[in-house]
Amino acid sequence: MPRKHPENRPQSAVSDEAAAYIADALMELALQFEATHFAEIRRHYDSITPQHDYDPWQLDLFSEHPPF
């Protein structure tokens, strides 16, 4: 079902060009932040990633095998 928009939508506060510049600036800021704080971000994601239990009976399907 399509969303209905109000009839009296407010006018945009910025022009198309300004919106594009703002989006570029925010993306650049986000990329610089990520590059500067990559180690902290990686540690956080590693800390919330579930650890796999070692099961000696589980086959290793992705190990390196010698060629035929």
Protein backbone atom coordinates (compact mmCIF):
# COMPACT_ATOMS: atom_id res chain seq x y z
CA MET A 1 0.00 0.00 0.00
CA PRO A 2 1.60 3.31 -0.99
CA ARG A 3 2.32 5.85 1.71
CA LYS A 4 0.20 8.95 1.65
CA HIS A 5 1.99 12.28 1.89
CA PRO A 6 0.31 15.28 3.44
CA GLU A 7 -1.09 17.73 0.94
CA ASN A 8 0.76 20.69 2.46
CA ARG A 9 4.33 19.39 2.49
CA PRO A 10 6.78 21.95 3.89
CA GLN A 11 9.22 23.54 1.47
CA SER A 12 12.74 22.21 1.57
CA ALA A 13 15.04 24.32 3.71
CA VAL A 14 18.00 23.77 1.35
CA SER A 15 18.46 23.68 -2.39
CA ASP A 16 19.37 20.51 -4.28
CA GLU A 17 22.94 21.73 -4.64
CA ALA A 18 23.22 22.54 -0.94
CA ALA A 19 21.81 19.13 -0.01
CA ALA A 20 24.42 17.46 -2.21
CA TYR A 21 27.25 19.49 -0.63
CA ILE A 22 26.00 18.71 2.86
CA ALA A 23 25.76 14.99 2.05
CA ASP A 24 29.32 15.03 0.65
CA ALA A 25 30.65 16.83 3.73
CA LEU A 26 28.92 14.40 6.10
CA MET A 27 30.23 11.40 4.16
CA GLU A 28 33.77 12.81 4.25
CA LEU A 29 33.45 13.41 8.00
CA ALA A 30 32.19 9.86 8.55
CA LEU A 31 35.03 8.37 6.48
CA GLN A 32 37.66 10.40 8.33
CA PHE A 33 36.17 9.39 11.68
CA GLU A 34 36.14 5.73 10.67
CA ALA A 35 39.75 5.91 9.45
CA THR A 36 40.85 7.59 12.69
CA HIS A 37 38.95 5.28 15.04
CA PHE A 38 39.08 2.02 13.07
CA ALA A 39 40.75 0.04 15.88
CA GLU A 40 38.13 1.08 18.43
CA ILE A 41 35.27 0.31 16.04
CA ARG A 42 36.77 -3.10 15.17
CA ARG A 43 37.26 -3.98 18.87
CA HIS A 44 33.64 -3.09 19.59
CA TYR A 45 32.28 -5.24 16.77
CA ASP A 46 34.61 -8.09 17.73
CA SER A 47 33.36 -7.88 21.33
CA ILE A 48 29.70 -8.22 20.32
CA THR A 49 30.25 -10.97 17.73
CA PRO A 50 29.30 -14.39 19.11
CA GLN A 51 32.27 -16.70 19.49
CA HIS A 52 32.07 -20.12 17.86
CA ASP A 53 32.49 -23.13 20.10
CA TYR A 54 35.25 -25.52 19.12
CA ASP A 55 33.80 -28.89 18.22
CA PRO A 56 36.36 -31.56 17.29
CA TRP A 57 33.66 -33.52 15.44
CA GLN A 58 32.79 -30.61 13.14
CA LEU A 59 34.28 -31.03 9.68
CA ASP A 60 36.49 -28.19 8.47
CA LEU A 61 34.90 -27.39 5.11
CA PHE A 62 37.05 -24.36 4.29
CA SER A 63 40.60 -25.41 5.16
CA GLU A 64 43.31 -25.49 2.53
CA HIS A 65 43.57 -28.86 0.83
CA PRO A 66 46.42 -30.02 -1.40
CA PRO A 67 45.64 -30.00 -5.15
CA PHE A 68 44.59 -33.26 -6.81
